[in-house]
PDB file of all heavy atoms in Angstrom:
ATOM      1  N   THR A   1     -92.143 -51.540  19.791  1.00  0.00           N
ATOM      2  CA  THR A   1     -92.969 -50.779  18.861  1.00  0.00           C
ATOM      3  C   THR A   1     -94.022 -49.966  19.614  1.00  0.00           C
ATOM      4  O   THR A   1     -94.244 -50.138  20.804  1.00  0.00           O
ATOM      5  CB  THR A   1     -93.666 -51.720  17.877  1.00  0.00           C
ATOM      6  OG1 THR A   1     -94.451 -52.668  18.625  1.00  0.00           O
ATOM      7  CG2 THR A   1     -92.655 -52.472  17.034  1.00  0.00           C
ATOM      8  N   GLY A   2     -94.693 -49.071  18.873  1.00  0.00           N
ATOM      9  CA  GLY A   2     -95.812 -48.331  19.417  1.00  0.00           C
ATOM     10  C   GLY A   2     -95.435 -47.155  20.290  1.00  0.00           C
ATOM     11  O   GLY A   2     -96.290 -46.608  20.987  1.00  0.00           O
ATOM     12  N   THR A   3     -94.170 -46.735  20.270  1.00  0.00           N
ATOM     13  CA  THR A   3     -93.707 -45.685  21.180  1.00  0.00           C
ATOM     14  C   THR A   3     -93.052 -44.515  20.448  1.00  0.00           C
ATOM     15  O   THR A   3     -93.325 -43.353  20.768  1.00  0.00           O
ATOM     16  CB  THR A   3     -92.711 -46.275  22.196  1.00  0.00           C
ATOM     17  OG1 THR A   3     -93.401 -47.217  23.030  1.00  0.00           O
ATOM     18  CG2 THR A   3     -92.091 -45.202  23.073  1.00  0.00           C
ATOM     19  N   ALA A   4     -92.187 -44.793  19.479  1.00  0.00           N
ATOM     20  CA  ALA A   4     -91.329 -43.761  18.906  1.00  0.00           C
ATOM     21  C   ALA A   4     -92.111 -42.609  18.282  1.00  0.00           C
ATOM     22  O   ALA A   4     -91.769 -41.433  18.470  1.00  0.00           O
ATOM     23  CB  ALA A   4     -90.391 -44.376  17.866  1.00  0.00           C
ATOM     24  N   LEU A   5     -93.158 -42.928  17.519  1.00  0.00           N
ATOM     25  CA  LEU A   5     -93.904 -41.888  16.817  1.00  0.00           C
ATOM     26  C   LEU A   5     -94.523 -40.901  17.808  1.00  0.00           C
ATOM     27  O   LEU A   5     -94.415 -39.679  17.648  1.00  0.00           O
ATOM     28  CB  LEU A   5     -94.992 -42.527  15.956  1.00  0.00           C
ATOM     29  CG  LEU A   5     -95.369 -41.819  14.656  1.00  0.00           C
ATOM     30  CD1 LEU A   5     -94.172 -41.681  13.755  1.00  0.00           C
ATOM     31  CD2 LEU A   5     -96.467 -42.603  13.944  1.00  0.00           C
ATOM     32  N   THR A   6     -95.165 -41.443  18.842  1.00  0.00           N
ATOM     33  CA  THR A   6     -95.824 -40.591  19.820  1.00  0.00           C
ATOM     34  C   THR A   6     -94.826 -39.716  20.567  1.00  0.00           C
ATOM     35  O   THR A   6     -95.004 -38.497  20.698  1.00  0.00           O
ATOM     36  CB  THR A   6     -96.619 -41.447  20.814  1.00  0.00           C
ATOM     37  OG1 THR A   6     -97.727 -42.033  20.138  1.00  0.00           O
ATOM     38  CG2 THR A   6     -97.136 -40.624  21.976  1.00  0.00           C
ATOM     39  N   VAL A   7     -93.752 -40.326  21.074  1.00  0.00           N
ATOM     40  CA  VAL A   7     -92.785 -39.567  21.868  1.00  0.00           C
ATOM     41  C   VAL A   7     -92.115 -38.494  21.018  1.00  0.00           C
ATOM     42  O   VAL A   7     -91.917 -37.360  21.466  1.00  0.00           O
ATOM     43  CB  VAL A   7     -91.751 -40.515  22.502  1.00  0.00           C
ATOM     44  CG1 VAL A   7     -90.692 -39.724  23.265  1.00  0.00           C
ATOM     45  CG2 VAL A   7     -92.436 -41.492  23.440  1.00  0.00           C
ATOM     46  N   GLY A   8     -91.776 -38.828  19.777  1.00  0.00           N
ATOM     47  CA  GLY A   8     -91.123 -37.854  18.904  1.00  0.00           C
ATOM     48  C   GLY A   8     -91.998 -36.656  18.599  1.00  0.00           C
ATOM     49  O   GLY A   8     -91.547 -35.510  18.623  1.00  0.00           O
ATOM     50  N   MET A   9     -93.272 -36.896  18.294  1.00  0.00           N
ATOM     51  CA  MET A   9     -94.170 -35.783  17.998  1.00  0.00           C
ATOM     52  C   MET A   9     -94.418 -34.935  19.238  1.00  0.00           C
ATOM     53  O   MET A   9     -94.509 -33.698  19.159  1.00  0.00           O
ATOM     54  CB  MET A   9     -95.477 -36.322  17.419  1.00  0.00           C
ATOM     55  CG  MET A   9     -95.312 -36.933  16.030  1.00  0.00           C
ATOM     56  SD  MET A   9     -96.775 -37.840  15.444  1.00  0.00           S
ATOM     57  CE  MET A   9     -97.939 -36.497  15.202  1.00  0.00           C
ATOM     58  N   LEU A  10     -94.494 -35.564  20.414  1.00  0.00           N
ATOM     59  CA  LEU A  10     -94.674 -34.801  21.645  1.00  0.00           C
ATOM     60  C   LEU A  10     -93.435 -33.980  21.979  1.00  0.00           C
ATOM     61  O   LEU A  10     -93.543 -32.887  22.557  1.00  0.00           O
ATOM     62  CB  LEU A  10     -95.016 -35.744  22.802  1.00  0.00           C
ATOM     63  CG  LEU A  10     -96.391 -36.415  22.715  1.00  0.00           C
ATOM     64  CD1 LEU A  10     -96.559 -37.424  23.849  1.00  0.00           C
ATOM     65  CD2 LEU A  10     -97.517 -35.389  22.753  1.00  0.00           C
ATOM     66  N   ASP A  11     -92.245 -34.472  21.618  1.00  0.00           N
ATOM     67  CA  ASP A  11     -91.029 -33.656  21.759  1.00  0.00           C
ATOM     68  C   ASP A  11     -91.217 -32.298  21.098  1.00  0.00           C
ATOM     69  O   ASP A  11     -90.903 -31.248  21.666  1.00  0.00           O
ATOM     70  CB  ASP A  11     -89.840 -34.340  21.079  1.00  0.00           C
ATOM     71  CG  ASP A  11     -89.292 -35.535  21.820  1.00  0.00           C
ATOM     72  OD1 ASP A  11     -89.596 -35.703  23.020  1.00  0.00           O
ATOM     73  OD2 ASP A  11     -88.546 -36.312  21.197  1.00  0.00           O
ATOM     74  N   THR A  12     -91.705 -32.330  19.873  1.00  0.00           N
ATOM     75  CA  THR A  12     -91.741 -31.105  19.079  1.00  0.00           C
ATOM     76  C   THR A  12     -92.770 -30.108  19.603  1.00  0.00           C
ATOM     77  O   THR A  12     -92.579 -28.898  19.490  1.00  0.00           O
ATOM     78  CB  THR A  12     -92.039 -31.429  17.609  1.00  0.00           C
ATOM     79  OG1 THR A  12     -93.372 -31.921  17.467  1.00  0.00           O
ATOM     80  CG2 THR A  12     -91.072 -32.472  17.071  1.00  0.00           C
ATOM     81  N   VAL A  13     -93.857 -30.606  20.187  1.00  0.00           N
ATOM     82  CA  VAL A  13     -94.862 -29.710  20.749  1.00  0.00           C
ATOM     83  C   VAL A  13     -94.296 -28.984  21.970  1.00  0.00           C
ATOM     84  O   VAL A  13     -94.574 -27.811  22.204  1.00  0.00           O
ATOM     85  CB  VAL A  13     -96.138 -30.491  21.110  1.00  0.00           C
ATOM     86  CG1 VAL A  13     -97.167 -29.588  21.752  1.00  0.00           C
ATOM     87  CG2 VAL A  13     -96.725 -31.142  19.861  1.00  0.00           C
ATOM     88  N   ASN A  14     -93.472 -29.680  22.737  1.00  0.00           N
ATOM     89  CA  ASN A  14     -92.806 -29.066  23.877  1.00  0.00           C
ATOM     90  C   ASN A  14     -91.793 -28.026  23.420  1.00  0.00           C
ATOM     91  O   ASN A  14     -91.660 -26.951  24.033  1.00  0.00           O
ATOM     92  CB  ASN A  14     -92.119 -30.155  24.706  1.00  0.00           C
ATOM     93  CG  ASN A  14     -91.452 -29.634  25.963  1.00  0.00           C
ATOM     94  OD1 ASN A  14     -90.426 -28.962  25.912  1.00  0.00           O
ATOM     95  ND2 ASN A  14     -92.024 -29.969  27.108  1.00  0.00           N
ATOM     96  N   LEU A  15     -91.081 -28.324  22.343  1.00  0.00           N
ATOM     97  CA  LEU A  15     -90.003 -27.453  21.879  1.00  0.00           C
ATOM     98  C   LEU A  15     -90.489 -26.213  21.151  1.00  0.00           C
ATOM     99  O   LEU A  15     -89.929 -25.119  21.318  1.00  0.00           O
ATOM    100  CB  LEU A  15     -89.076 -28.267  20.956  1.00  0.00           C
ATOM    101  CG  LEU A  15     -87.955 -27.513  20.249  1.00  0.00           C
ATOM    102  CD1 LEU A  15     -87.013 -26.855  21.257  1.00  0.00           C
ATOM    103  CD2 LEU A  15     -87.190 -28.449  19.311  1.00  0.00           C
ATOM    104  N   ALA A  16     -91.508 -26.349  20.340  1.00  0.00           N
ATOM    105  CA  ALA A  16     -91.868 -25.284  19.398  1.00  0.00           C
ATOM    106  C   ALA A  16     -92.198 -23.964  20.094  1.00  0.00           C
ATOM    107  O   ALA A  16     -91.715 -22.901  19.688  1.00  0.00           O
ATOM    108  CB  ALA A  16     -93.036 -25.728  18.524  1.00  0.00           C
ATOM    109  N   TRP A  17     -93.025 -23.999  21.128  1.00  0.00           N
ATOM    110  CA  TRP A  17     -93.436 -22.735  21.744  1.00  0.00           C
ATOM    111  C   TRP A  17     -92.272 -22.066  22.461  1.00  0.00           C
ATOM    112  O   TRP A  17     -92.216 -20.823  22.557  1.00  0.00           O
ATOM    113  CB  TRP A  17     -94.623 -22.945  22.672  1.00  0.00           C
ATOM    114  CG  TRP A  17     -94.364 -23.627  23.983  1.00  0.00           C
ATOM    115  CD1 TRP A  17     -94.398 -24.957  24.236  1.00  0.00           C
ATOM    116  CD2 TRP A  17     -94.078 -22.997  25.240  1.00  0.00           C
ATOM    117  NE1 TRP A  17     -94.138 -25.204  25.565  1.00  0.00           N
ATOM    118  CE2 TRP A  17     -93.953 -24.021  26.208  1.00  0.00           C
ATOM    119  CE3 TRP A  17     -93.925 -21.667  25.639  1.00  0.00           C
ATOM    120  CZ2 TRP A  17     -93.658 -23.760  27.550  1.00  0.00           C
ATOM    121  CZ3 TRP A  17     -93.638 -21.396  26.974  1.00  0.00           C
ATOM    122  CH2 TRP A  17     -93.508 -22.433  27.916  1.00  0.00           C
ATOM    123  N   LYS A  18     -91.322 -22.874  22.935  1.00  0.00           N
ATOM    124  CA  LYS A  18     -90.150 -22.308  23.607  1.00  0.00           C
ATOM    125  C   LYS A  18     -89.209 -21.641  22.601  1.00  0.00           C
ATOM    126  O   LYS A  18     -88.669 -20.560  22.871  1.00  0.00           O
ATOM    127  CB  LYS A  18     -89.444 -23.401  24.396  1.00  0.00           C
ATOM    128  CG  LYS A  18     -90.322 -23.978  25.513  1.00  0.00           C
ATOM    129  CD  LYS A  18     -89.732 -25.206  26.176  1.00  0.00           C
ATOM    130  CE  LYS A  18     -90.692 -25.742  27.246  1.00  0.00           C
ATOM    131  NZ  LYS A  18     -90.200 -26.974  27.898  1.00  0.00           N
ATOM    132  N   LEU A  19     -89.023 -22.273  21.437  1.00  0.00           N
ATOM    133  CA  LEU A  19     -88.264 -21.609  20.369  1.00  0.00           C
ATOM    134  C   LEU A  19     -88.975 -20.333  19.927  1.00  0.00           C
ATOM    135  O   LEU A  19     -88.341 -19.295  19.712  1.00  0.00           O
ATOM    136  CB  LEU A  19     -88.099 -22.558  19.185  1.00  0.00           C
ATOM    137  CG  LEU A  19     -87.035 -23.648  19.294  1.00  0.00           C
ATOM    138  CD1 LEU A  19     -87.121 -24.573  18.085  1.00  0.00           C
ATOM    139  CD2 LEU A  19     -85.645 -23.039  19.395  1.00  0.00           C
ATOM    140  N   GLY A  20     -90.304 -20.410  19.771  1.00  0.00           N
ATOM    141  CA  GLY A  20     -91.062 -19.236  19.366  1.00  0.00           C
ATOM    142  C   GLY A  20     -90.922 -18.098  20.359  1.00  0.00           C
ATOM    143  O   GLY A  20     -90.795 -16.922  19.976  1.00  0.00           O
ATOM    144  N   ALA A  21     -90.928 -18.425  21.657  1.00  0.00           N
ATOM    145  CA  ALA A  21     -90.769 -17.392  22.685  1.00  0.00           C
ATOM    146  C   ALA A  21     -89.415 -16.705  22.561  1.00  0.00           C
ATOM    147  O   ALA A  21     -89.308 -15.476  22.679  1.00  0.00           O
ATOM    148  CB  ALA A  21     -90.928 -18.013  24.067  1.00  0.00           C
ATOM    149  N   ASP A  22     -88.369 -17.490  22.305  1.00  0.00           N
ATOM    150  CA  ASP A  22     -87.036 -16.904  22.157  1.00  0.00           C
ATOM    151  C   ASP A  22     -86.958 -16.034  20.906  1.00  0.00           C
ATOM    152  O   ASP A  22     -86.436 -14.914  20.939  1.00  0.00           O
ATOM    153  CB  ASP A  22     -85.993 -18.020  22.091  1.00  0.00           C
ATOM    154  CG  ASP A  22     -84.579 -17.490  22.035  1.00  0.00           C
ATOM    155  OD1 ASP A  22     -84.071 -17.252  20.913  1.00  0.00           O
ATOM    156  OD2 ASP A  22     -83.984 -17.307  23.108  1.00  0.00           O
ATOM    157  N   ILE A  23     -87.486 -16.540  19.810  1.00  0.00           N
ATOM    158  CA  ILE A  23     -87.422 -15.795  18.545  1.00  0.00           C
ATOM    159  C   ILE A  23     -88.233 -14.511  18.620  1.00  0.00           C
ATOM    160  O   ILE A  23     -87.846 -13.478  18.066  1.00  0.00           O
ATOM    161  CB  ILE A  23     -87.907 -16.711  17.402  1.00  0.00           C
ATOM    162  CG1 ILE A  23     -86.855 -17.807  17.143  1.00  0.00           C
ATOM    163  CG2 ILE A  23     -88.190 -15.921  16.135  1.00  0.00           C
ATOM    164  CD1 ILE A  23     -87.359 -18.968  16.342  1.00  0.00           C
ATOM    165  N   ASN A  24     -89.364 -14.553  19.337  1.00  0.00           N
ATOM    166  CA  ASN A  24     -90.215 -13.371  19.459  1.00  0.00           C
ATOM    167  C   ASN A  24     -89.786 -12.430  20.575  1.00  0.00           C
ATOM    168  O   ASN A  24     -90.422 -11.396  20.792  1.00  0.00           O
ATOM    169  CB  ASN A  24     -91.670 -13.803  19.675  1.00  0.00           C
ATOM    170  CG  ASN A  24     -92.260 -14.434  18.422  1.00  0.00           C
ATOM    171  OD1 ASN A  24     -92.070 -13.932  17.320  1.00  0.00           O
ATOM    172  ND2 ASN A  24     -92.966 -15.546  18.587  1.00  0.00           N
ATOM    173  N   GLY A  25     -88.717 -12.809  21.291  1.00  0.00           N
ATOM    174  CA  GLY A  25     -88.092 -11.869  22.214  1.00  0.00           C
ATOM    175  C   GLY A  25     -88.631 -11.821  23.624  1.00  0.00           C
ATOM    176  O   GLY A  25     -88.230 -10.939  24.390  1.00  0.00           O
ATOM    177  N   TRP A  26     -89.485 -12.767  24.022  1.00  0.00           N
ATOM    178  CA  TRP A  26     -90.012 -12.693  25.382  1.00  0.00           C
ATOM    179  C   TRP A  26     -89.679 -13.899  26.241  1.00  0.00           C
ATOM    180  O   TRP A  26     -90.173 -14.019  27.378  1.00  0.00           O
ATOM    181  CB  TRP A  26     -91.512 -12.446  25.392  1.00  0.00           C
ATOM    182  CG  TRP A  26     -92.373 -13.418  24.614  1.00  0.00           C
ATOM    183  CD1 TRP A  26     -92.875 -13.250  23.366  1.00  0.00           C
ATOM    184  CD2 TRP A  26     -92.852 -14.709  25.057  1.00  0.00           C
ATOM    185  NE1 TRP A  26     -93.630 -14.336  22.994  1.00  0.00           N
ATOM    186  CE2 TRP A  26     -93.644 -15.238  24.012  1.00  0.00           C
ATOM    187  CE3 TRP A  26     -92.703 -15.445  26.229  1.00  0.00           C
ATOM    188  CZ2 TRP A  26     -94.261 -16.490  24.106  1.00  0.00           C
ATOM    189  CZ3 TRP A  26     -93.318 -16.695  26.316  1.00  0.00           C
ATOM    190  CH2 TRP A  26     -94.094 -17.199  25.267  1.00  0.00           C
ATOM    191  N   ALA A  27     -88.829 -14.788  25.779  1.00  0.00           N
ATOM    192  CA  ALA A  27     -88.497 -15.981  26.560  1.00  0.00           C
ATOM    193  C   ALA A  27     -87.717 -15.602  27.811  1.00  0.00           C
ATOM    194  O   ALA A  27     -86.723 -14.869  27.731  1.00  0.00           O
ATOM    195  CB  ALA A  27     -87.685 -16.951  25.725  1.00  0.00           C
ATOM    196  N   PRO A  28     -88.123 -16.090  28.969  1.00  0.00           N
ATOM    197  CA  PRO A  28     -87.331 -15.854  30.180  1.00  0.00           C
ATOM    198  C   PRO A  28     -86.035 -16.659  30.124  1.00  0.00           C
ATOM    199  O   PRO A  28     -85.908 -17.617  29.357  1.00  0.00           O
ATOM    200  CB  PRO A  28     -88.244 -16.350  31.299  1.00  0.00           C
ATOM    201  CG  PRO A  28     -89.134 -17.352  30.644  1.00  0.00           C
ATOM    202  CD  PRO A  28     -89.343 -16.857  29.234  1.00  0.00           C
ATOM    203  N   ALA A  29     -85.071 -16.277  30.924  1.00  0.00           N
ATOM    204  CA  ALA A  29     -83.791 -16.979  30.958  1.00  0.00           C
ATOM    205  C   ALA A  29     -84.003 -18.444  31.304  1.00  0.00           C
ATOM    206  O   ALA A  29     -84.749 -18.781  32.224  1.00  0.00           O
ATOM    207  CB  ALA A  29     -82.870 -16.325  31.985  1.00  0.00           C
ATOM    208  N   GLY A  30     -83.365 -19.310  30.535  1.00  0.00           N
ATOM    209  CA  GLY A  30     -83.411 -20.734  30.820  1.00  0.00           C
ATOM    210  C   GLY A  30     -84.605 -21.472  30.251  1.00  0.00           C
ATOM    211  O   GLY A  30     -84.691 -22.690  30.399  1.00  0.00           O
ATOM    212  N   LEU A  31     -85.538 -20.757  29.598  1.00  0.00           N
ATOM    213  CA  LEU A  31     -86.724 -21.447  29.093  1.00  0.00           C
ATOM    214  C   LEU A  31     -86.364 -22.552  28.114  1.00  0.00           C
ATOM    215  O   LEU A  31     -86.885 -23.670  28.200  1.00  0.00           O
ATOM    216  CB  LEU A  31     -87.683 -20.455  28.428  1.00  0.00           C
ATOM    217  CG  LEU A  31     -88.943 -21.083  27.806  1.00  0.00           C
ATOM    218  CD1 LEU A  31     -89.830 -21.685  28.894  1.00  0.00           C
ATOM    219  CD2 LEU A  31     -89.718 -20.066  26.984  1.00  0.00           C
TER     220      LEU A  31
END
């Protein structure tokens, strides 16, 4: 216990800006 919630929410913070970069057209290759 005490792990899943934190790790899952931190996953999304890492992912969101990278998806946003791709959608907004400035993501470098492989981001």
